[in-house]
Amino acid sequence: MTSEFISEDDLLTFEGWSKYQGADLATMPPNELTIWKECFEQAKRAHETSPKVGLMKPRRIPGQDQYGVAIRDGSDLWLMLWVRCSRKGEIFIPYPRGDRSVDAHASYHEDGTLHQKSYGHKSLPLQRQPLRTFKGSEHLGMYYGHGKSSGAVCDPNVFDGVVIVEPFILGPVSGSVGIDLVEAGYEKTWSRGVADRYYFGTVHEREMFRRSPRPAVVITTHSQGPLA
């Protein structure tokens, strides 16, 4: 795989899509090349017919905080994911999808359970510290595979804060978003070196949203080549 940045627009070309797949077109036999072109056309049709999210306006609820991550594309803002902090203190990280039945999100619950969920099924369960006795910090994961293909338009007015990323940082294969929780009062002494051992790339930007007496939400974007 190349470390060159691949955008979603690149994936709409046969050359860019093949590069994303790790194919070497120069040495590919003609019969295989025909099959690859057919696969590309199928992928392109699926992209063109997939449902789009449109304008995202997560409902504002008193006592609830929410923070977005968006890619700037000219005058447009495309929402990649957002962090929703419920009134109970639980953390949810939804990823916009045109097919709402997917309901893809991560969540960190009162008892310390952290897991991923989509199509109603839980996966990758991890046990972290309970939120009622939260101390220090907890890493809530790295999130990859970003772009505007979901069609999720970001409205900054519905969030308490938005991390806006310029082009060529987050893409389908390059770049990532890291989410951390940091205990209130511990923000200034939080060891970024310890947290950054989870990150496989260059820290592009880090924003800390303080929510005292509740833990701060830290959102870190990373620029990098593919993990391969």
Protein backbone atom coordinates (compact mmCIF):
# COMPACT_ATOMS: atom_id res chain seq x y z
CA MET A 1 0.00 0.00 0.00
CA THR A 2 1.13 3.51 -0.74
CA SER A 3 1.54 6.16 1.94
CA GLU A 4 0.18 8.72 -0.52
CA PHE A 5 -3.03 10.39 0.65
CA ILE A 6 -6.07 8.85 -1.07
CA SER A 7 -9.26 10.89 -1.07
CA GLU A 8 -12.82 9.73 -1.70
CA ASP A 9 -12.68 11.53 -5.04
CA ASP A 10 -9.69 9.33 -5.92
CA LEU A 11 -11.83 6.26 -5.21
CA LEU A 12 -14.17 7.30 -8.02
CA THR A 13 -11.38 6.68 -10.54
CA PHE A 14 -10.16 3.21 -11.48
CA GLU A 15 -6.53 4.15 -10.80
CA GLY A 16 -7.28 5.62 -7.37
CA TRP A 17 -9.57 2.73 -6.39
CA SER A 18 -6.96 0.18 -7.47
CA LYS A 19 -4.29 1.98 -5.46
CA TYR A 20 -6.58 1.88 -2.42
CA GLN A 21 -6.95 -1.89 -2.94
CA GLY A 22 -3.18 -2.30 -3.22
CA ALA A 23 -3.31 -3.56 -6.81
CA ASP A 24 -0.36 -3.22 -9.18
CA LEU A 25 -2.02 -2.43 -12.51
CA ALA A 26 1.29 -2.29 -14.39
CA THR A 27 2.00 -6.00 -13.87
CA MET A 28 -1.58 -7.31 -13.85
CA PRO A 29 -2.48 -9.85 -16.58
CA PRO A 30 -5.21 -8.67 -19.01
CA ASN A 31 -7.82 -11.17 -17.78
CA GLU A 32 -7.35 -10.05 -14.16
CA LEU A 33 -7.43 -6.41 -15.23
CA THR A 34 -10.86 -7.00 -16.80
CA ILE A 35 -12.15 -8.51 -13.54
CA TRP A 36 -10.76 -5.59 -11.53
CA LYS A 37 -12.48 -3.10 -13.82
CA GLU A 38 -15.79 -4.91 -13.37
CA CYS A 39 -15.35 -4.82 -9.58
CA PHE A 40 -14.58 -1.11 -9.76
CA GLU A 41 -17.75 -0.41 -11.76
CA GLN A 42 -19.80 -2.32 -9.17
CA ALA A 43 -18.21 -0.33 -6.35
CA LYS A 44 -18.84 2.94 -8.18
CA ARG A 45 -22.51 2.09 -8.78
CA ALA A 46 -22.92 1.17 -5.11
CA HIS A 47 -21.44 4.54 -4.14
CA GLU A 48 -23.73 6.43 -6.50
CA THR A 49 -26.88 4.69 -5.26
CA SER A 50 -26.11 4.62 -1.54
CA PRO A 51 -28.41 6.80 0.63
CA LYS A 52 -27.02 10.10 1.93
CA VAL A 53 -27.47 11.51 5.41
CA GLY A 54 -27.99 15.19 4.56
CA LEU A 55 -27.98 17.92 7.20
CA MET A 56 -27.19 16.50 10.64
CA LYS A 57 -28.98 18.21 13.52
CA PRO A 58 -28.54 16.08 16.66
CA ARG A 59 -31.18 17.19 19.14
CA ARG A 60 -29.98 19.51 21.89
CA ILE A 61 -30.99 18.29 25.35
CA PRO A 62 -30.43 20.36 28.51
CA GLY A 63 -27.59 18.90 30.57
CA GLN A 64 -26.15 17.06 27.56
CA ASP A 65 -22.93 18.08 25.77
CA GLN A 66 -21.95 17.16 22.23
CA TYR A 67 -18.82 17.78 20.17
CA GLY A 68 -18.32 17.17 16.46
CA VAL A 69 -15.45 16.40 14.11
CA ALA A 70 -15.85 17.76 10.58
CA ILE A 71 -13.82 18.01 7.38
CA ARG A 72 -13.79 21.40 5.68
CA ASP A 73 -14.26 21.18 1.90
CA GLY A 74 -14.41 24.70 0.48
CA SER A 75 -17.45 26.30 2.09
CA ASP A 76 -18.86 22.91 3.18
CA LEU A 77 -18.44 21.06 6.46
CA TRP A 78 -18.83 17.28 6.43
CA LEU A 79 -19.48 15.57 9.77
CA MET A 80 -17.27 12.53 10.47
CA LEU A 81 -18.44 11.63 13.96
CA TRP A 82 -19.52 13.31 17.15
CA VAL A 83 -19.23 12.74 20.89
CA ARG A 84 -22.46 12.90 22.89
CA CYS A 85 -22.23 13.15 26.69
CA SER A 86 -25.55 12.20 28.24
CA ARG A 87 -27.05 13.72 31.36
CA LYS A 88 -26.13 10.49 33.19
CA GLY A 89 -22.51 11.01 32.17
CA GLU A 90 -22.35 8.20 29.61
CA ILE A 91 -20.44 8.80 26.39
CA PHE A 92 -21.69 7.91 22.91
CA ILE A 93 -19.71 8.29 19.67
CA PRO A 94 -22.02 7.95 16.64
CA TYR A 95 -20.77 7.74 13.04
CA PRO A 96 -23.17 9.15 10.43
CA ARG A 97 -24.45 6.56 7.95
CA GLY A 98 -26.96 6.96 5.13
CA ASP A 99 -28.55 3.66 6.14
CA ARG A 100 -29.96 4.53 9.55
CA SER A 101 -30.52 0.85 10.37
CA VAL A 102 -26.75 0.53 10.79
CA ASP A 103 -26.81 2.76 13.91
CA ALA A 104 -23.01 2.52 14.16
CA HIS A 105 -21.56 3.96 17.37
CA ALA A 106 -19.24 3.40 20.31
CA SER A 107 -20.42 3.86 23.90
CA TYR A 108 -18.91 4.10 27.37
CA HIS A 109 -21.42 3.25 30.10
CA GLU A 110 -21.76 4.02 33.81
CA ASP A 111 -20.36 0.64 34.85
CA GLY A 112 -17.21 1.18 32.74
CA THR A 113 -18.23 -0.99 29.77
CA LEU A 114 -16.86 0.34 26.47
CA HIS A 115 -18.01 -1.31 23.25
CA GLN A 116 -18.85 -0.82 19.58
CA LYS A 117 -22.34 -1.41 18.22
CA SER A 118 -23.93 -1.63 14.75
CA TYR A 119 -27.13 -3.23 13.45
CA GLY A 120 -28.11 -3.77 17.08
CA HIS A 121 -25.13 -6.04 17.81
CA LYS A 122 -22.39 -5.26 20.33
CA SER A 123 -18.74 -6.03 19.63
CA LEU A 124 -15.22 -5.40 20.96
CA PRO A 125 -16.32 -5.11 24.64
CA LEU A 126 -13.73 -3.61 26.98
CA GLN A 127 -13.96 -3.02 30.71
CA ARG A 128 -12.82 0.42 31.83
CA GLN A 129 -13.28 2.23 35.14
CA PRO A 130 -16.83 3.11 36.24
CA LEU A 131 -17.84 6.66 35.42
CA ARG A 132 -19.16 7.35 38.93
CA THR A 133 -15.66 6.97 40.36
CA PHE A 134 -13.71 8.22 37.35
CA LYS A 135 -10.06 9.12 37.98
CA GLY A 136 -7.20 10.09 35.71
CA SER A 137 -8.02 9.40 32.09
CA GLU A 138 -9.37 6.76 29.72
CA HIS A 139 -8.72 6.27 26.02
CA LEU A 140 -11.94 5.60 24.08
CA GLY A 141 -10.45 4.51 20.81
CA MET A 142 -9.05 5.50 17.43
CA TYR A 143 -11.49 6.04 14.58
CA TYR A 144 -10.49 5.56 10.94
CA GLY A 145 -12.12 5.61 7.51
CA HIS A 146 -13.29 9.20 7.02
CA GLY A 147 -14.76 11.17 4.15
CA LYS A 148 -17.83 12.90 2.77
CA SER A 149 -19.48 9.92 1.05
CA SER A 150 -22.10 9.59 3.81
CA GLY A 151 -23.33 13.06 2.84
CA ALA A 152 -23.54 14.13 6.50
CA VAL A 153 -23.57 17.94 6.51
CA CYS A 154 -22.34 19.48 9.77
CA ASP A 155 -24.27 22.32 11.42
CA PRO A 156 -21.83 23.79 13.98
CA ASN A 157 -24.69 25.48 15.83
CA VAL A 158 -25.98 22.20 17.26
CA PHE A 159 -22.67 21.35 18.94
CA ASP A 160 -20.89 22.72 21.99
CA GLY A 161 -17.68 22.57 19.98
CA VAL A 162 -16.47 21.32 16.60
CA VAL A 163 -12.98 20.19 15.62
CA ILE A 164 -12.66 21.31 11.99
CA VAL A 165 -10.06 19.49 9.94
CA GLU A 166 -8.63 20.88 6.72
CA PRO A 167 -8.41 18.72 3.56
CA PHE A 168 -5.82 15.93 3.13
CA ILE A 169 -5.67 14.98 6.82
CA LEU A 170 -8.57 12.53 7.25
CA GLY A 171 -9.46 10.13 4.46
CA PRO A 172 -10.71 6.61 3.70
CA VAL A 173 -7.34 5.07 4.58
CA SER A 174 -5.22 7.90 6.04
CA GLY A 175 -5.65 9.86 9.24
CA SER A 176 -7.57 9.08 12.41
CA VAL A 177 -9.53 10.61 15.27
CA GLY A 178 -8.69 9.73 18.88
CA ILE A 179 -11.08 10.27 21.79
CA ASP A 180 -10.01 10.51 25.45
CA LEU A 181 -11.72 11.38 28.73
CA VAL A 182 -9.71 13.30 31.32
CA GLU A 183 -10.73 13.81 34.94
CA ALA A 184 -11.78 17.34 35.85
CA GLY A 185 -8.91 19.11 37.62
CA TYR A 186 -6.42 16.73 36.03
CA GLU A 187 -6.41 18.38 32.60
CA LYS A 188 -3.25 20.48 33.10
CA THR A 189 -1.18 17.53 34.29
CA TRP A 190 -2.59 14.95 31.89
CA SER A 191 0.33 13.01 30.41
CA ARG A 192 -0.06 13.43 26.68
CA GLY A 193 2.94 11.15 26.18
CA VAL A 194 1.11 8.28 27.83
CA ALA A 195 -2.03 8.91 25.78
CA ASP A 196 -0.07 9.20 22.54
CA ARG A 197 1.26 5.65 22.78
CA TYR A 198 -2.08 4.67 21.24
CA TYR A 199 -1.61 6.92 18.23
CA PHE A 200 0.02 5.73 15.02
CA GLY A 201 0.88 8.97 13.29
CA THR A 202 1.61 12.64 13.69
CA VAL A 203 -0.66 14.61 16.02
CA HIS A 204 -2.26 17.17 13.75
CA GLU A 205 -4.52 18.91 16.27
CA ARG A 206 -5.76 18.32 19.80
CA GLU A 207 -8.68 20.07 21.48
CA MET A 208 -9.80 19.64 25.07
CA PHE A 209 -13.39 20.46 25.98
CA ARG A 210 -13.64 21.01 29.74
CA ARG A 211 -16.89 19.95 31.43
CA SER A 212 -16.10 20.31 35.16
CA PRO A 213 -17.07 18.58 37.40
CA ARG A 214 -17.37 15.88 34.73
CA PRO A 215 -14.39 14.57 32.73
CA ALA A 216 -13.12 16.68 29.84
CA VAL A 217 -13.50 15.33 26.31
CA VAL A 218 -10.23 15.38 24.34
CA ILE A 219 -10.38 15.00 20.56
CA THR A 220 -7.12 14.43 18.69
CA THR A 221 -6.74 14.24 14.93
CA HIS A 222 -3.75 12.50 13.38
CA SER A 223 -2.27 12.66 9.93
CA GLN A 224 -0.56 9.52 8.74
CA GLY A 225 -0.12 6.98 5.99
CA PRO A 226 -1.97 3.65 5.93
CA LEU A 227 -1.30 1.17 8.72
CA ALA A 228 0.36 -1.37 6.45
